[in-house]
PDB file of N, CA and C in Angstrom:
ATOM      1  N   MET A   1     -18.419  78.095  14.732  1.00  0.00           N
ATOM      2  CA  MET A   1     -18.739  76.874  14.016  1.00  0.00           C
ATOM      3  C   MET A   1     -17.439  76.244  13.531  1.00  0.00           C
ATOM      4  N   LYS A   2     -17.383  74.940  13.553  1.00  0.00           N
ATOM      5  CA  LYS A   2     -16.225  74.182  13.100  1.00  0.00           C
ATOM      6  C   LYS A   2     -16.054  74.350  11.592  1.00  0.00           C
ATOM      7  N   ALA A   3     -14.817  74.426  11.139  1.00  0.00           N
ATOM      8  CA  ALA A   3     -14.569  74.512   9.697  1.00  0.00           C
ATOM      9  C   ALA A   3     -15.014  73.223   9.031  1.00  0.00           C
ATOM     10  N   PHE A   4     -15.779  73.345   7.975  1.00  0.00           N
ATOM     11  CA  PHE A   4     -16.291  72.172   7.272  1.00  0.00           C
ATOM     12  C   PHE A   4     -15.235  71.606   6.345  1.00  0.00           C
ATOM     13  N   PRO A   5     -15.180  70.283   6.238  1.00  0.00           N
ATOM     14  CA  PRO A   5     -14.360  69.714   5.163  1.00  0.00           C
ATOM     15  C   PRO A   5     -14.930  70.220   3.841  1.00  0.00           C
ATOM     16  N   LEU A   6     -14.087  70.530   2.914  1.00  0.00           N
ATOM     17  CA  LEU A   6     -14.561  71.072   1.643  1.00  0.00           C
ATOM     18  C   LEU A   6     -15.535  70.139   0.954  1.00  0.00           C
ATOM     19  N   ASN A   7     -15.351  68.826   1.074  1.00  0.00           N
ATOM     20  CA  ASN A   7     -16.262  67.888   0.423  1.00  0.00           C
ATOM     21  C   ASN A   7     -17.697  68.105   0.885  1.00  0.00           C
ATOM     22  N   VAL A   8     -17.911  68.296   2.191  1.00  0.00           N
ATOM     23  CA  VAL A   8     -19.252  68.481   2.730  1.00  0.00           C
ATOM     24  C   VAL A   8     -19.875  69.734   2.156  1.00  0.00           C
ATOM     25  N   ALA A   9     -19.140  70.841   2.174  1.00  0.00           N
ATOM     26  CA  ALA A   9     -19.675  72.108   1.686  1.00  0.00           C
ATOM     27  C   ALA A   9     -19.954  72.058   0.199  1.00  0.00           C
ATOM     28  N   VAL A  10     -19.051  71.485  -0.572  1.00  0.00           N
ATOM     29  CA  VAL A  10     -19.236  71.446  -2.023  1.00  0.00           C
ATOM     30  C   VAL A  10     -20.368  70.500  -2.403  1.00  0.00           C
ATOM     31  N   VAL A  11     -20.450  69.325  -1.787  1.00  0.00           N
ATOM     32  CA  VAL A  11     -21.547  68.399  -2.091  1.00  0.00           C
ATOM     33  C   VAL A  11     -22.876  69.052  -1.744  1.00  0.00           C
ATOM     34  N   ALA A  12     -22.946  69.740  -0.613  1.00  0.00           N
ATOM     35  CA  ALA A  12     -24.181  70.432  -0.249  1.00  0.00           C
ATOM     36  C   ALA A  12     -24.501  71.533  -1.242  1.00  0.00           C
ATOM     37  N   ALA A  13     -23.514  72.316  -1.628  1.00  0.00           N
ATOM     38  CA  ALA A  13     -23.752  73.423  -2.559  1.00  0.00           C
ATOM     39  C   ALA A  13     -24.202  72.920  -3.920  1.00  0.00           C
ATOM     40  N   LEU A  14     -23.726  71.774  -4.326  1.00  0.00           N
ATOM     41  CA  LEU A  14     -24.097  71.243  -5.635  1.00  0.00           C
ATOM     42  C   LEU A  14     -25.538  70.767  -5.676  1.00  0.00           C
ATOM     43  N   GLN A  15     -26.214  70.765  -4.537  1.00  0.00           N
ATOM     44  CA  GLN A  15     -27.619  70.392  -4.504  1.00  0.00           C
ATOM     45  C   GLN A  15     -28.517  71.558  -4.900  1.00  0.00           C
ATOM     46  N   LEU A  16     -27.923  72.732  -5.124  1.00  0.00           N
ATOM     47  CA  LEU A  16     -28.706  73.878  -5.568  1.00  0.00           C
ATOM     48  C   LEU A  16     -29.453  73.519  -6.851  1.00  0.00           C
ATOM     49  N   PRO A  17     -30.648  74.059  -7.025  1.00  0.00           N
ATOM     50  CA  PRO A  17     -31.407  73.730  -8.239  1.00  0.00           C
ATOM     51  C   PRO A  17     -30.641  74.099  -9.505  1.00  0.00           C
ATOM     52  N   PHE A  18     -30.709  73.222 -10.473  1.00  0.00           N
ATOM     53  CA  PHE A  18     -30.087  73.471 -11.766  1.00  0.00           C
ATOM     54  C   PHE A  18     -31.176  73.768 -12.784  1.00  0.00           C
ATOM     55  N   SER A  19     -30.840  74.546 -13.801  1.00  0.00           N
ATOM     56  CA  SER A  19     -31.809  74.815 -14.856  1.00  0.00           C
ATOM     57  C   SER A  19     -32.005  73.546 -15.678  1.00  0.00           C
ATOM     58  N   ALA A  20     -33.095  73.506 -16.392  1.00  0.00           N
ATOM     59  CA  ALA A  20     -33.404  72.338 -17.207  1.00  0.00           C
ATOM     60  C   ALA A  20     -32.309  72.112 -18.240  1.00  0.00           C
ATOM     61  N   GLY A  21     -32.128  70.892 -18.612  1.00  0.00           N
ATOM     62  CA  GLY A  21     -31.114  70.562 -19.599  1.00  0.00           C
ATOM     63  C   GLY A  21     -29.840  70.099 -18.942  1.00  0.00           C
ATOM     64  N   ALA A  22     -28.845  69.896 -19.758  1.00  0.00           N
ATOM     65  CA  ALA A  22     -27.563  69.402 -19.258  1.00  0.00           C
ATOM     66  C   ALA A  22     -26.899  70.470 -18.407  1.00  0.00           C
ATOM     67  N   PHE A  23     -26.157  70.008 -17.433  1.00  0.00           N
ATOM     68  CA  PHE A  23     -25.387  70.924 -16.619  1.00  0.00           C
ATOM     69  C   PHE A  23     -24.016  70.328 -16.431  1.00  0.00           C
ATOM     70  N   SER A  24     -23.082  71.182 -16.085  1.00  0.00           N
ATOM     71  CA  SER A  24     -21.743  70.696 -15.801  1.00  0.00           C
ATOM     72  C   SER A  24     -21.361  71.152 -14.408  1.00  0.00           C
ATOM     73  N   VAL A  25     -20.531  70.381 -13.772  1.00  0.00           N
ATOM     74  CA  VAL A  25     -20.057  70.710 -12.443  1.00  0.00           C
ATOM     75  C   VAL A  25     -18.633  71.219 -12.575  1.00  0.00           C
ATOM     76  N   ASP A  26     -18.374  72.354 -11.997  1.00  0.00           N
ATOM     77  CA  ASP A  26     -17.025  72.916 -12.010  1.00  0.00           C
ATOM     78  C   ASP A  26     -16.173  72.102 -11.052  1.00  0.00           C
ATOM     79  N   LEU A  27     -15.196  71.396 -11.570  1.00  0.00           N
ATOM     80  CA  LEU A  27     -14.362  70.536 -10.741  1.00  0.00           C
ATOM     81  C   LEU A  27     -13.477  71.325  -9.787  1.00  0.00           C
ATOM     82  N   ASP A  28     -13.386  72.617  -9.990  1.00  0.00           N
ATOM     83  CA  ASP A  28     -12.628  73.468  -9.080  1.00  0.00           C
ATOM     84  C   ASP A  28     -13.546  74.220  -8.122  1.00  0.00           C
ATOM     85  N   ALA A  29     -14.810  73.782  -8.003  1.00  0.00           N
ATOM     86  CA  ALA A  29     -15.779  74.475  -7.145  1.00  0.00           C
ATOM     87  C   ALA A  29     -15.316  74.551  -5.701  1.00  0.00           C
ATOM     88  N   HIS A  30     -14.555  73.556  -5.256  1.00  0.00           N
ATOM     89  CA  HIS A  30     -14.083  73.562  -3.872  1.00  0.00           C
ATOM     90  C   HIS A  30     -13.112  74.702  -3.585  1.00  0.00           C
ATOM     91  N   ARG A  31     -12.664  75.368  -4.623  1.00  0.00           N
ATOM     92  CA  ARG A  31     -11.756  76.511  -4.466  1.00  0.00           C
ATOM     93  C   ARG A  31     -12.506  77.847  -4.520  1.00  0.00           C
ATOM     94  N   MET A  32     -13.810  77.794  -4.742  1.00  0.00           N
ATOM     95  CA  MET A  32     -14.596  79.011  -4.904  1.00  0.00           C
ATOM     96  C   MET A  32     -15.267  79.354  -3.568  1.00  0.00           C
ATOM     97  N   PRO A  33     -14.854  80.450  -2.939  1.00  0.00           N
ATOM     98  CA  PRO A  33     -15.413  80.802  -1.628  1.00  0.00           C
ATOM     99  C   PRO A  33     -16.934  80.894  -1.624  1.00  0.00           C
ATOM    100  N   GLU A  34     -17.529  81.376  -2.716  1.00  0.00           N
ATOM    101  CA  GLU A  34     -18.984  81.507  -2.746  1.00  0.00           C
ATOM    102  C   GLU A  34     -19.672  80.140  -2.762  1.00  0.00           C
ATOM    103  N   VAL A  35     -19.056  79.143  -3.373  1.00  0.00           N
ATOM    104  CA  VAL A  35     -19.620  77.787  -3.381  1.00  0.00           C
ATOM    105  C   VAL A  35     -19.501  77.161  -1.994  1.00  0.00           C
ATOM    106  N   VAL A  36     -18.340  77.324  -1.381  1.00  0.00           N
ATOM    107  CA  VAL A  36     -18.140  76.775  -0.040  1.00  0.00           C
ATOM    108  C   VAL A  36     -19.096  77.444   0.943  1.00  0.00           C
ATOM    109  N   SER A  37     -19.257  78.751   0.843  1.00  0.00           N
ATOM    110  CA  SER A  37     -20.172  79.473   1.724  1.00  0.00           C
ATOM    111  C   SER A  37     -21.614  79.008   1.521  1.00  0.00           C
ATOM    112  N   ALA A  38     -22.023  78.837   0.261  1.00  0.00           N
ATOM    113  CA  ALA A  38     -23.376  78.348  -0.024  1.00  0.00           C
ATOM    114  C   ALA A  38     -23.554  76.944   0.538  1.00  0.00           C
ATOM    115  N   GLY A  39     -22.528  76.110   0.424  1.00  0.00           N
ATOM    116  CA  GLY A  39     -22.595  74.752   0.964  1.00  0.00           C
ATOM    117  C   GLY A  39     -22.726  74.742   2.469  1.00  0.00           C
ATOM    118  N   GLU A  40     -21.995  75.625   3.136  1.00  0.00           N
ATOM    119  CA  GLU A  40     -22.097  75.713   4.592  1.00  0.00           C
ATOM    120  C   GLU A  40     -23.510  76.109   5.017  1.00  0.00           C
ATOM    121  N   THR A  41     -24.096  77.058   4.285  1.00  0.00           N
ATOM    122  CA  THR A  41     -25.459  77.498   4.589  1.00  0.00           C
ATOM    123  C   THR A  41     -26.450  76.363   4.367  1.00  0.00           C
ATOM    124  N   LEU A  42     -26.337  75.681   3.231  1.00  0.00           N
ATOM    125  CA  LEU A  42     -27.245  74.563   2.949  1.00  0.00           C
ATOM    126  C   LEU A  42     -27.081  73.440   3.966  1.00  0.00           C
ATOM    127  N   TYR A  43     -25.843  73.149   4.355  1.00  0.00           N
ATOM    128  CA  TYR A  43     -25.593  72.121   5.366  1.00  0.00           C
ATOM    129  C   TYR A  43     -26.297  72.498   6.667  1.00  0.00           C
ATOM    130  N   ALA A  44     -26.137  73.752   7.084  1.00  0.00           N
ATOM    131  CA  ALA A  44     -26.761  74.204   8.336  1.00  0.00           C
ATOM    132  C   ALA A  44     -28.280  74.079   8.264  1.00  0.00           C
ATOM    133  N   GLU A  45     -28.870  74.372   7.102  1.00  0.00           N
ATOM    134  CA  GLU A  45     -30.324  74.348   6.942  1.00  0.00           C
ATOM    135  C   GLU A  45     -30.893  72.940   6.765  1.00  0.00           C
ATOM    136  N   HIS A  46     -30.164  72.048   6.095  1.00  0.00           N
ATOM    137  CA  HIS A  46     -30.754  70.775   5.691  1.00  0.00           C
ATOM    138  C   HIS A  46     -30.063  69.525   6.221  1.00  0.00           C
ATOM    139  N   CYS A  47     -28.857  69.656   6.732  1.00  0.00           N
ATOM    140  CA  CYS A  47     -28.086  68.465   7.112  1.00  0.00           C
ATOM    141  C   CYS A  47     -27.748  68.418   8.594  1.00  0.00           C
ATOM    142  N   ALA A  48     -27.510  69.585   9.181  1.00  0.00           N
ATOM    143  CA  ALA A  48     -27.029  69.647  10.566  1.00  0.00           C
ATOM    144  C   ALA A  48     -28.009  69.053  11.559  1.00  0.00           C
ATOM    145  N   SER A  49     -29.294  69.059  11.256  1.00  0.00           N
ATOM    146  CA  SER A  49     -30.269  68.518  12.208  1.00  0.00           C
ATOM    147  C   SER A  49     -30.001  67.040  12.496  1.00  0.00           C
ATOM    148  N   CYS A  50     -29.437  66.317  11.558  1.00  0.00           N
ATOM    149  CA  CYS A  50     -29.083  64.903  11.783  1.00  0.00           C
ATOM    150  C   CYS A  50     -27.575  64.707  11.941  1.00  0.00           C
ATOM    151  N   HIS A  51     -26.807  65.320  11.055  1.00  0.00           N
ATOM    152  CA  HIS A  51     -25.362  65.100  11.056  1.00  0.00           C
ATOM    153  C   HIS A  51     -24.627  65.980  12.058  1.00  0.00           C
ATOM    154  N   GLY A  52     -25.325  66.941  12.666  1.00  0.00           N
ATOM    155  CA  GLY A  52     -24.747  67.787  13.699  1.00  0.00           C
ATOM    156  C   GLY A  52     -24.153  69.069  13.161  1.00  0.00           C
ATOM    157  N   SER A  53     -24.319  70.136  13.922  1.00  0.00           N
ATOM    158  CA  SER A  53     -23.783  71.428  13.498  1.00  0.00           C
ATOM    159  C   SER A  53     -22.262  71.443  13.529  1.00  0.00           C
ATOM    160  N   ASN A  54     -21.680  70.517  14.280  1.00  0.00           N
ATOM    161  CA  ASN A  54     -20.223  70.385  14.325  1.00  0.00           C
ATOM    162  C   ASN A  54     -19.759  69.100  13.654  1.00  0.00           C
ATOM    163  N   LEU A  55     -20.599  68.565  12.754  1.00  0.00           N
ATOM    164  CA  LEU A  55     -20.275  67.378  11.961  1.00  0.00           C
ATOM    165  C   LEU A  55     -20.185  66.098  12.784  1.00  0.00           C
ATOM    166  N   GLU A  56     -20.723  66.105  14.012  1.00  0.00           N
ATOM    167  CA  GLU A  56     -20.538  64.988  14.936  1.00  0.00           C
ATOM    168  C   GLU A  56     -21.434  63.781  14.683  1.00  0.00           C
ATOM    169  N   GLY A  57     -22.471  63.912  13.874  1.00  0.00           N
ATOM    170  CA  GLY A  57     -23.367  62.790  13.607  1.00  0.00           C
ATOM    171  C   GLY A  57     -24.275  62.506  14.789  1.00  0.00           C
ATOM    172  N   GLU A  58     -25.120  61.496  14.622  1.00  0.00           N
ATOM    173  CA  GLU A  58     -26.028  61.104  15.693  1.00  0.00           C
ATOM    174  C   GLU A  58     -25.341  60.109  16.628  1.00  0.00           C
ATOM    175  N   PRO A  59     -25.795  60.054  17.881  1.00  0.00           N
ATOM    176  CA  PRO A  59     -25.209  59.078  18.816  1.00  0.00           C
ATOM    177  C   PRO A  59     -25.364  57.656  18.283  1.00  0.00           C
ATOM    178  N   ASP A  60     -24.407  56.825  18.591  1.00  0.00           N
ATOM    179  CA  ASP A  60     -24.436  55.404  18.206  1.00  0.00           C
ATOM    180  C   ASP A  60     -24.701  55.211  16.721  1.00  0.00           C
ATOM    181  N   TRP A  61     -24.062  56.035  15.895  1.00  0.00           N
ATOM    182  CA  TRP A  61     -24.327  56.021  14.460  1.00  0.00           C
ATOM    183  C   TRP A  61     -23.954  54.709  13.781  1.00  0.00           C
ATOM    184  N   GLN A  62     -23.192  53.850  14.431  1.00  0.00           N
ATOM    185  CA  GLN A  62     -22.804  52.572  13.826  1.00  0.00           C
ATOM    186  C   GLN A  62     -23.773  51.441  14.175  1.00  0.00           C
ATOM    187  N   LEU A  63     -24.778  51.739  14.996  1.00  0.00           N
ATOM    188  CA  LEU A  63     -25.742  50.724  15.422  1.00  0.00           C
ATOM    189  C   LEU A  63     -27.093  50.986  14.777  1.00  0.00           C
ATOM    190  N   ARG A  64     -27.658  49.974  14.159  1.00  0.00           N
ATOM    191  CA  ARG A  64     -28.963  50.119  13.508  1.00  0.00           C
ATOM    192  C   ARG A  64     -30.053  50.376  14.543  1.00  0.00           C
ATOM    193  N   ASP A  65     -31.038  51.174  14.157  1.00  0.00           N
ATOM    194  CA  ASP A  65     -32.149  51.453  15.062  1.00  0.00           C
ATOM    195  C   ASP A  65     -33.176  50.328  14.983  1.00  0.00           C
ATOM    196  N   ALA A  66     -34.296  50.480  15.670  1.00  0.00           N
ATOM    197  CA  ALA A  66     -35.320  49.439  15.733  1.00  0.00           C
ATOM    198  C   ALA A  66     -35.903  49.105  14.362  1.00  0.00           C
ATOM    199  N   GLU A  67     -35.837  50.043  13.428  1.00  0.00           N
ATOM    200  CA  GLU A  67     -36.353  49.816  12.077  1.00  0.00           C
ATOM    201  C   GLU A  67     -35.268  49.332  11.113  1.00  0.00           C
ATOM    202  N   GLY A  68     -34.046  49.142  11.603  1.00  0.00           N
ATOM    203  CA  GLY A  68     -32.966  48.632  10.776  1.00  0.00           C
ATOM    204  C   GLY A  68     -32.122  49.685  10.084  1.00  0.00           C
ATOM    205  N   TYR A  69     -32.396  50.949  10.372  1.00  0.00           N
ATOM    206  CA  TYR A  69     -31.639  52.029   9.731  1.00  0.00           C
ATOM    207  C   TYR A  69     -30.456  52.451  10.590  1.00  0.00           C
ATOM    208  N   LEU A  70     -29.399  52.887   9.927  1.00  0.00           N
ATOM    209  CA  LEU A  70     -28.256  53.444  10.635  1.00  0.00           C
ATOM    210  C   LEU A  70     -28.490  54.935  10.847  1.00  0.00           C
ATOM    211  N   PRO A  71     -28.203  55.445  12.041  1.00  0.00           N
ATOM    212  CA  PRO A  71     -28.307  56.889  12.262  1.00  0.00           C
ATOM    213  C   PRO A  71     -27.308  57.634  11.376  1.00  0.00           C
ATOM    214  N   ALA A  72     -27.483  58.934  11.290  1.00  0.00           N
ATOM    215  CA  ALA A  72     -26.604  59.766  10.462  1.00  0.00           C
ATOM    216  C   ALA A  72     -25.180  59.724  11.004  1.00  0.00           C
ATOM    217  N   PRO A  73     -24.208  59.407  10.144  1.00  0.00           N
ATOM    218  CA  PRO A  73     -22.807  59.347  10.587  1.00  0.00           C
ATOM    219  C   PRO A  73     -22.205  60.748  10.711  1.00  0.00           C
ATOM    220  N   PRO A  74     -21.108  60.846  11.440  1.00  0.00           N
ATOM    221  CA  PRO A  74     -20.402  62.128  11.492  1.00  0.00           C
ATOM    222  C   PRO A  74     -19.736  62.425  10.160  1.00  0.00           C
ATOM    223  N   HIS A  75     -19.580  63.697   9.885  1.00  0.00           N
ATOM    224  CA  HIS A  75     -18.870  64.129   8.671  1.00  0.00           C
ATOM    225  C   HIS A  75     -17.498  64.665   9.055  1.00  0.00           C
ATOM    226  N   ASP A  76     -16.811  63.905   9.865  1.00  0.00           N
ATOM    227  CA  ASP A  76     -15.446  64.271  10.230  1.00  0.00           C
ATOM    228  C   ASP A  76     -14.572  63.028  10.070  1.00  0.00           C
ATOM    229  N   GLU A  77     -13.374  63.080  10.569  1.00  0.00           N
ATOM    230  CA  GLU A  77     -12.440  61.965  10.373  1.00  0.00           C
ATOM    231  C   GLU A  77     -12.868  60.689  11.088  1.00  0.00           C
ATOM    232  N   THR A  78     -13.850  60.736  11.984  1.00  0.00           N
ATOM    233  CA  THR A  78     -14.289  59.529  12.690  1.00  0.00           C
ATOM    234  C   THR A  78     -15.386  58.775  11.943  1.00  0.00           C
ATOM    235  N   GLY A  79     -16.014  59.396  10.975  1.00  0.00           N
ATOM    236  CA  GLY A  79     -17.118  58.772  10.249  1.00  0.00           C
ATOM    237  C   GLY A  79     -16.643  57.950   9.077  1.00  0.00           C
ATOM    238  N   HIS A  80     -17.580  57.300   8.443  1.00  0.00           N
ATOM    239  CA  HIS A  80     -17.238  56.466   7.286  1.00  0.00           C
ATOM    240  C   HIS A  80     -17.439  57.192   5.957  1.00  0.00           C
ATOM    241  N   THR A  81     -17.941  58.398   5.992  1.00  0.00           N
ATOM    242  CA  THR A  81     -18.306  59.120   4.783  1.00  0.00           C
ATOM    243  C   THR A  81     -17.158  59.217   3.790  1.00  0.00           C
ATOM    244  N   TRP A  82     -15.953  59.392   4.273  1.00  0.00           N
ATOM    245  CA  TRP A  82     -14.826  59.651   3.384  1.00  0.00           C
ATOM    246  C   TRP A  82     -14.299  58.383   2.726  1.00  0.00           C
ATOM    247  N   HIS A  83     -14.941  57.271   2.995  1.00  0.00           N
ATOM    248  CA  HIS A  83     -14.596  56.026   2.306  1.00  0.00           C
ATOM    249  C   HIS A  83     -15.328  55.938   0.970  1.00  0.00           C
ATOM    250  N   HIS A  84     -16.203  56.891   0.721  1.00  0.00           N
ATOM    251  CA  HIS A  84     -17.019  56.880  -0.497  1.00  0.00           C
ATOM    252  C   HIS A  84     -16.525  57.939  -1.476  1.00  0.00           C
ATOM    253  N   PRO A  85     -16.618  57.658  -2.763  1.00  0.00           N
ATOM    254  CA  PRO A  85     -16.253  58.674  -3.762  1.00  0.00           C
ATOM    255  C   PRO A  85     -17.213  59.871  -3.683  1.00  0.00           C
ATOM    256  N   THR A  86     -16.723  61.041  -4.042  1.00  0.00           N
ATOM    257  CA  THR A  86     -17.538  62.246  -3.996  1.00  0.00           C
ATOM    258  C   THR A  86     -18.793  62.098  -4.848  1.00  0.00           C
ATOM    259  N   ALA A  87     -18.691  61.456  -6.001  1.00  0.00           N
ATOM    260  CA  ALA A  87     -19.869  61.278  -6.873  1.00  0.00           C
ATOM    261  C   ALA A  87     -20.949  60.470  -6.165  1.00  0.00           C
ATOM    262  N   GLN A  88     -20.564  59.459  -5.401  1.00  0.00           N
ATOM    263  CA  GLN A  88     -21.544  58.661  -4.678  1.00  0.00           C
ATOM    264  C   GLN A  88     -22.186  59.495  -3.563  1.00  0.00           C
ATOM    265  N   LEU A  89     -21.400  60.290  -2.858  1.00  0.00           N
ATOM    266  CA  LEU A  89     -21.950  61.166  -1.821  1.00  0.00           C
ATOM    267  C   LEU A  89     -22.938  62.159  -2.425  1.00  0.00           C
ATOM    268  N   PHE A  90     -22.608  62.686  -3.597  1.00  0.00           N
ATOM    269  CA  PHE A  90     -23.512  63.599  -4.300  1.00  0.00           C
ATOM    270  C   PHE A  90     -24.842  62.894  -4.578  1.00  0.00           C
ATOM    271  N   ASP A  91     -24.769  61.682  -5.133  1.00  0.00           N
ATOM    272  CA  ASP A  91     -25.983  60.940  -5.464  1.00  0.00           C
ATOM    273  C   ASP A  91     -26.794  60.595  -4.216  1.00  0.00           C
ATOM    274  N   ILE A  92     -26.134  60.199  -3.143  1.00  0.00           N
ATOM    275  CA  ILE A  92     -26.842  59.880  -1.895  1.00  0.00           C
ATOM    276  C   ILE A  92     -27.548  61.124  -1.369  1.00  0.00           C
ATOM    277  N   THR A  93     -26.870  62.264  -1.427  1.00  0.00           N
ATOM    278  CA  THR A  93     -27.451  63.511  -0.944  1.00  0.00           C
ATOM    279  C   THR A  93     -28.627  63.934  -1.809  1.00  0.00           C
ATOM    280  N   LYS A  94     -28.490  63.780  -3.108  1.00  0.00           N
ATOM    281  CA  LYS A  94     -29.540  64.239  -4.022  1.00  0.00           C
ATOM    282  C   LYS A  94     -30.726  63.272  -4.099  1.00  0.00           C
ATOM    283  N   TYR A  95     -30.453  61.956  -4.149  1.00  0.00           N
ATOM    284  CA  TYR A  95     -31.509  60.986  -4.400  1.00  0.00           C
ATOM    285  C   TYR A  95     -31.909  60.166  -3.181  1.00  0.00           C
ATOM    286  N   GLY A  96     -31.098  60.171  -2.140  1.00  0.00           N
ATOM    287  CA  GLY A  96     -31.393  59.385  -0.946  1.00  0.00           C
ATOM    288  C   GLY A  96     -30.632  58.070  -0.959  1.00  0.00           C
ATOM    289  N   THR A  97     -30.318  57.606   0.233  1.00  0.00           N
ATOM    290  CA  THR A  97     -29.509  56.393   0.374  1.00  0.00           C
ATOM    291  C   THR A  97     -30.139  55.187  -0.299  1.00  0.00           C
ATOM    292  N   GLU A  98     -31.438  54.992  -0.094  1.00  0.00           N
ATOM    293  CA  GLU A  98     -32.084  53.800  -0.644  1.00  0.00           C
ATOM    294  C   GLU A  98     -32.059  53.772  -2.165  1.00  0.00           C
ATOM    295  N   GLN A  99     -32.122  54.931  -2.809  1.00  0.00           N
ATOM    296  CA  GLN A  99     -32.060  54.976  -4.270  1.00  0.00           C
ATOM    297  C   GLN A  99     -30.682  54.603  -4.788  1.00  0.00           C
ATOM    298  N   VAL A 100     -29.651  54.877  -3.990  1.00  0.00           N
ATOM    299  CA  VAL A 100     -28.278  54.668  -4.438  1.00  0.00           C
ATOM    300  C   VAL A 100     -27.768  53.280  -4.044  1.00  0.00           C
ATOM    301  N   VAL A 101     -28.014  52.884  -2.817  1.00  0.00           N
ATOM    302  CA  VAL A 101     -27.456  51.612  -2.335  1.00  0.00           C
ATOM    303  C   VAL A 101     -28.521  50.535  -2.127  1.00  0.00           C
ATOM    304  N   GLY A 102     -29.758  50.885  -2.327  1.00  0.00           N
ATOM    305  CA  GLY A 102     -30.815  49.890  -2.193  1.00  0.00           C
ATOM    306  C   GLY A 102     -31.507  49.957  -0.843  1.00  0.00           C
ATOM    307  N   GLY A 103     -32.711  49.429  -0.799  1.00  0.00           N
ATOM    308  CA  GLY A 103     -33.490  49.417   0.437  1.00  0.00           C
ATOM    309  C   GLY A 103     -32.881  48.468   1.452  1.00  0.00           C
ATOM    310  N   GLY A 104     -33.135  48.787   2.725  1.00  0.00           N
ATOM    311  CA  GLY A 104     -32.660  47.925   3.809  1.00  0.00           C
ATOM    312  C   GLY A 104     -31.193  48.107   4.063  1.00  0.00           C
TER     313      GLY A 104
END
């Protein structure tokens, strides 16, 4: 398997259920092997089906489909994902694109 960019693994790992109440995110989580490993596992289980097991994204990811949606982009240097702040990627992953950037 291709080595994941740390952002992908950490954003995926941060989707783990949190206990009720306030929580804090360890800003050094990307340095914790157990967090990166958990992120890789979560990515494989929940993200790879669209974004690809090698981060390649869906074919023609820059072209809208018949319903107006963009296919899943690659999570490598060819995609647009890294143009977004990590906090926005976290929110998109947790709440969905339409909740963060709006419908359509």
